[in-house]
N, C-alpha and C. Protein backbone atom coordinates (compact mmCIF):
# COMPACT_ATOMS: atom_id res chain seq x y z
N MET A 1 3.91 21.31 -11.05
CA MET A 1 5.02 21.56 -10.14
C MET A 1 5.87 20.29 -10.03
N GLU A 2 7.14 20.42 -10.09
CA GLU A 2 8.06 19.30 -9.95
C GLU A 2 8.07 18.82 -8.51
N ASN A 3 8.02 17.51 -8.32
CA ASN A 3 8.02 16.92 -7.01
C ASN A 3 9.45 16.80 -6.50
N ALA A 4 9.77 17.43 -5.39
CA ALA A 4 11.13 17.43 -4.86
C ALA A 4 11.45 16.15 -4.11
N LEU A 5 10.44 15.34 -3.77
CA LEU A 5 10.67 14.13 -2.97
C LEU A 5 11.10 12.93 -3.80
N ILE A 6 10.51 12.79 -4.99
CA ILE A 6 10.84 11.66 -5.86
C ILE A 6 10.97 12.16 -7.29
N SER A 7 11.58 11.35 -8.12
CA SER A 7 11.74 11.73 -9.53
C SER A 7 10.41 11.62 -10.26
N LYS A 8 10.32 12.29 -11.38
CA LYS A 8 9.12 12.24 -12.22
C LYS A 8 8.88 10.81 -12.71
N ALA A 9 9.96 10.09 -13.02
CA ALA A 9 9.83 8.71 -13.48
C ALA A 9 9.22 7.82 -12.40
N THR A 10 9.65 8.02 -11.15
CA THR A 10 9.11 7.24 -10.04
C THR A 10 7.65 7.59 -9.81
N GLU A 11 7.35 8.87 -9.87
CA GLU A 11 5.97 9.33 -9.72
C GLU A 11 5.08 8.70 -10.80
N ASN A 12 5.55 8.69 -12.04
CA ASN A 12 4.79 8.09 -13.13
C ASN A 12 4.63 6.59 -12.95
N LYS A 13 5.64 5.93 -12.41
CA LYS A 13 5.57 4.48 -12.17
C LYS A 13 4.51 4.16 -11.12
N ILE A 14 4.44 4.94 -10.05
CA ILE A 14 3.42 4.74 -9.02
C ILE A 14 2.04 4.89 -9.64
N ILE A 15 1.83 5.93 -10.41
CA ILE A 15 0.53 6.17 -11.06
C ILE A 15 0.20 5.02 -12.02
N SER A 16 1.17 4.59 -12.80
CA SER A 16 0.97 3.49 -13.74
C SER A 16 0.59 2.20 -13.01
N ASP A 17 1.28 1.90 -11.92
CA ASP A 17 0.99 0.69 -11.16
C ASP A 17 -0.39 0.76 -10.52
N LEU A 18 -0.77 1.93 -10.02
CA LEU A 18 -2.12 2.09 -9.48
C LEU A 18 -3.17 1.90 -10.58
N GLN A 19 -2.91 2.45 -11.75
CA GLN A 19 -3.83 2.32 -12.88
C GLN A 19 -4.03 0.85 -13.24
N LYS A 20 -2.96 0.08 -13.25
CA LYS A 20 -3.06 -1.35 -13.57
C LYS A 20 -3.93 -2.08 -12.56
N ILE A 21 -3.78 -1.76 -11.29
CA ILE A 21 -4.60 -2.40 -10.26
C ILE A 21 -6.07 -2.03 -10.46
N ILE A 22 -6.34 -0.76 -10.67
CA ILE A 22 -7.71 -0.29 -10.86
C ILE A 22 -8.34 -0.97 -12.08
N GLU A 23 -7.61 -1.03 -13.17
CA GLU A 23 -8.12 -1.64 -14.40
C GLU A 23 -8.35 -3.14 -14.25
N SER A 24 -7.60 -3.79 -13.37
CA SER A 24 -7.77 -5.23 -13.17
C SER A 24 -9.08 -5.56 -12.45
N GLY A 25 -9.62 -4.58 -11.74
CA GLY A 25 -10.86 -4.81 -10.99
C GLY A 25 -10.66 -5.61 -9.71
N LYS A 26 -9.43 -5.86 -9.36
CA LYS A 26 -9.11 -6.63 -8.16
C LYS A 26 -8.51 -5.70 -7.10
N LYS A 27 -8.53 -6.17 -5.86
CA LYS A 27 -7.86 -5.42 -4.80
C LYS A 27 -6.35 -5.52 -4.99
N GLY A 28 -5.67 -4.50 -4.55
CA GLY A 28 -4.22 -4.52 -4.64
C GLY A 28 -3.65 -3.30 -3.96
N LYS A 29 -2.32 -3.28 -3.85
CA LYS A 29 -1.69 -2.10 -3.26
C LYS A 29 -0.30 -1.91 -3.81
N VAL A 30 0.12 -0.67 -3.77
CA VAL A 30 1.50 -0.35 -4.09
C VAL A 30 2.19 -0.01 -2.78
N MET A 31 3.38 -0.51 -2.62
CA MET A 31 4.14 -0.33 -1.38
C MET A 31 5.21 0.75 -1.59
N LEU A 32 5.31 1.65 -0.64
CA LEU A 32 6.28 2.74 -0.71
C LEU A 32 7.70 2.20 -0.88
N ALA A 33 8.01 1.13 -0.19
CA ALA A 33 9.36 0.57 -0.23
C ALA A 33 9.78 0.14 -1.64
N ASP A 34 8.79 -0.11 -2.51
CA ASP A 34 9.11 -0.50 -3.88
C ASP A 34 9.57 0.68 -4.74
N TYR A 35 9.40 1.90 -4.24
CA TYR A 35 9.68 3.09 -5.03
C TYR A 35 10.76 3.99 -4.45
N VAL A 36 11.06 3.86 -3.18
CA VAL A 36 12.08 4.70 -2.56
C VAL A 36 13.08 3.82 -1.82
N GLY A 37 14.30 4.32 -1.68
CA GLY A 37 15.33 3.60 -0.96
C GLY A 37 15.07 3.62 0.54
N ALA A 38 15.75 2.78 1.27
CA ALA A 38 15.55 2.68 2.72
C ALA A 38 15.82 4.00 3.43
N ASN A 39 16.87 4.69 3.04
CA ASN A 39 17.18 5.97 3.69
C ASN A 39 16.10 7.01 3.42
N GLN A 40 15.62 7.07 2.19
CA GLN A 40 14.59 8.02 1.82
C GLN A 40 13.25 7.63 2.44
N GLY A 41 12.94 6.35 2.47
CA GLY A 41 11.66 5.87 3.00
C GLY A 41 11.53 6.04 4.50
N ALA A 42 12.63 6.12 5.20
CA ALA A 42 12.59 6.24 6.65
C ALA A 42 11.98 7.56 7.10
N CYS A 43 12.05 8.58 6.27
CA CYS A 43 11.54 9.89 6.66
C CYS A 43 10.36 10.33 5.79
N MET A 44 9.76 9.39 5.07
CA MET A 44 8.65 9.74 4.17
C MET A 44 7.57 8.68 4.27
N ASP A 45 6.33 9.09 4.10
CA ASP A 45 5.26 8.13 3.95
C ASP A 45 4.40 8.57 2.77
N PHE A 46 3.42 7.75 2.39
CA PHE A 46 2.63 8.08 1.21
C PHE A 46 1.79 9.33 1.41
N ALA A 47 1.41 9.65 2.62
CA ALA A 47 0.65 10.88 2.86
C ALA A 47 1.49 12.10 2.49
N VAL A 48 2.76 12.09 2.86
CA VAL A 48 3.67 13.19 2.51
C VAL A 48 3.86 13.24 1.00
N LEU A 49 4.07 12.08 0.41
CA LEU A 49 4.26 12.00 -1.03
C LEU A 49 3.01 12.48 -1.78
N TYR A 50 1.85 12.08 -1.30
CA TYR A 50 0.57 12.48 -1.90
C TYR A 50 0.43 14.00 -1.89
N GLU A 51 0.75 14.62 -0.78
CA GLU A 51 0.64 16.08 -0.68
C GLU A 51 1.67 16.80 -1.55
N ALA A 52 2.81 16.18 -1.76
CA ALA A 52 3.88 16.81 -2.54
C ALA A 52 3.72 16.60 -4.05
N SER A 53 2.87 15.66 -4.44
CA SER A 53 2.76 15.30 -5.85
C SER A 53 1.42 15.74 -6.44
N ASP A 54 1.44 16.78 -7.24
CA ASP A 54 0.22 17.23 -7.91
C ASP A 54 -0.36 16.14 -8.82
N ASP A 55 0.51 15.47 -9.56
CA ASP A 55 0.04 14.44 -10.50
C ASP A 55 -0.60 13.26 -9.78
N LEU A 56 0.05 12.78 -8.72
CA LEU A 56 -0.50 11.65 -7.97
C LEU A 56 -1.81 12.04 -7.31
N ARG A 57 -1.86 13.21 -6.73
CA ARG A 57 -3.08 13.69 -6.07
C ARG A 57 -4.22 13.80 -7.08
N TYR A 58 -3.94 14.39 -8.24
CA TYR A 58 -4.95 14.53 -9.28
C TYR A 58 -5.44 13.16 -9.76
N PHE A 59 -4.51 12.24 -10.00
CA PHE A 59 -4.86 10.90 -10.47
C PHE A 59 -5.78 10.21 -9.46
N ILE A 60 -5.41 10.22 -8.19
CA ILE A 60 -6.20 9.54 -7.17
C ILE A 60 -7.59 10.18 -7.04
N LYS A 61 -7.66 11.48 -7.04
CA LYS A 61 -8.97 12.15 -6.95
C LYS A 61 -9.84 11.82 -8.15
N GLU A 62 -9.26 11.79 -9.34
CA GLU A 62 -10.02 11.44 -10.55
C GLU A 62 -10.55 10.01 -10.46
N GLN A 63 -9.73 9.09 -9.99
CA GLN A 63 -10.16 7.70 -9.88
C GLN A 63 -11.24 7.53 -8.82
N GLN A 64 -11.14 8.29 -7.74
CA GLN A 64 -12.16 8.24 -6.70
C GLN A 64 -13.50 8.76 -7.23
N VAL A 65 -13.46 9.81 -8.03
CA VAL A 65 -14.68 10.34 -8.65
C VAL A 65 -15.31 9.27 -9.55
N LYS A 66 -14.48 8.48 -10.20
CA LYS A 66 -14.96 7.41 -11.08
C LYS A 66 -15.42 6.18 -10.30
N GLY A 67 -15.27 6.20 -8.97
CA GLY A 67 -15.78 5.11 -8.14
C GLY A 67 -14.75 4.19 -7.51
N ALA A 68 -13.48 4.41 -7.79
CA ALA A 68 -12.44 3.56 -7.19
C ALA A 68 -12.30 3.90 -5.71
N LYS A 69 -12.20 2.86 -4.89
CA LYS A 69 -11.96 3.07 -3.46
C LYS A 69 -10.46 2.97 -3.23
N ILE A 70 -9.86 4.11 -2.88
CA ILE A 70 -8.42 4.19 -2.71
C ILE A 70 -8.13 4.72 -1.32
N ASP A 71 -7.32 3.98 -0.56
CA ASP A 71 -6.97 4.36 0.80
C ASP A 71 -5.47 4.58 0.88
N ILE A 72 -5.08 5.80 1.23
CA ILE A 72 -3.66 6.12 1.36
C ILE A 72 -3.23 5.81 2.78
N GLN A 73 -2.36 4.85 2.91
CA GLN A 73 -1.83 4.43 4.20
C GLN A 73 -0.39 4.91 4.33
N GLU A 74 0.18 4.71 5.49
CA GLU A 74 1.53 5.19 5.73
C GLU A 74 2.56 4.60 4.76
N ASP A 75 2.50 3.30 4.56
CA ASP A 75 3.52 2.65 3.74
C ASP A 75 2.98 2.07 2.43
N SER A 76 1.71 2.34 2.12
CA SER A 76 1.12 1.80 0.90
C SER A 76 -0.10 2.63 0.49
N ILE A 77 -0.52 2.38 -0.76
CA ILE A 77 -1.79 2.90 -1.24
C ILE A 77 -2.60 1.67 -1.62
N LEU A 78 -3.75 1.50 -0.97
CA LEU A 78 -4.60 0.34 -1.14
C LEU A 78 -5.74 0.66 -2.09
N VAL A 79 -5.96 -0.21 -3.06
CA VAL A 79 -7.09 -0.08 -3.97
C VAL A 79 -8.02 -1.24 -3.67
N GLU A 80 -9.28 -0.90 -3.37
CA GLU A 80 -10.26 -1.95 -3.05
C GLU A 80 -11.36 -1.97 -4.08
């Protein structure tokens, strides 16, 4: 399903950046503000984006099954 909140390219960039953090084996996070404009970010958080994005949701669930600790926060996704 196409995500109406963000473009497919932005969605892929978030997933790619999360993958890089996970592969590094270090803690890190992606910040919502790095992917959406101020006007768009004011009415959206990562929980909303997570629910709207099949690809992001699938990626995070797959990584969690593999043992990655991922915490979806309001303005970021934290990888520990």
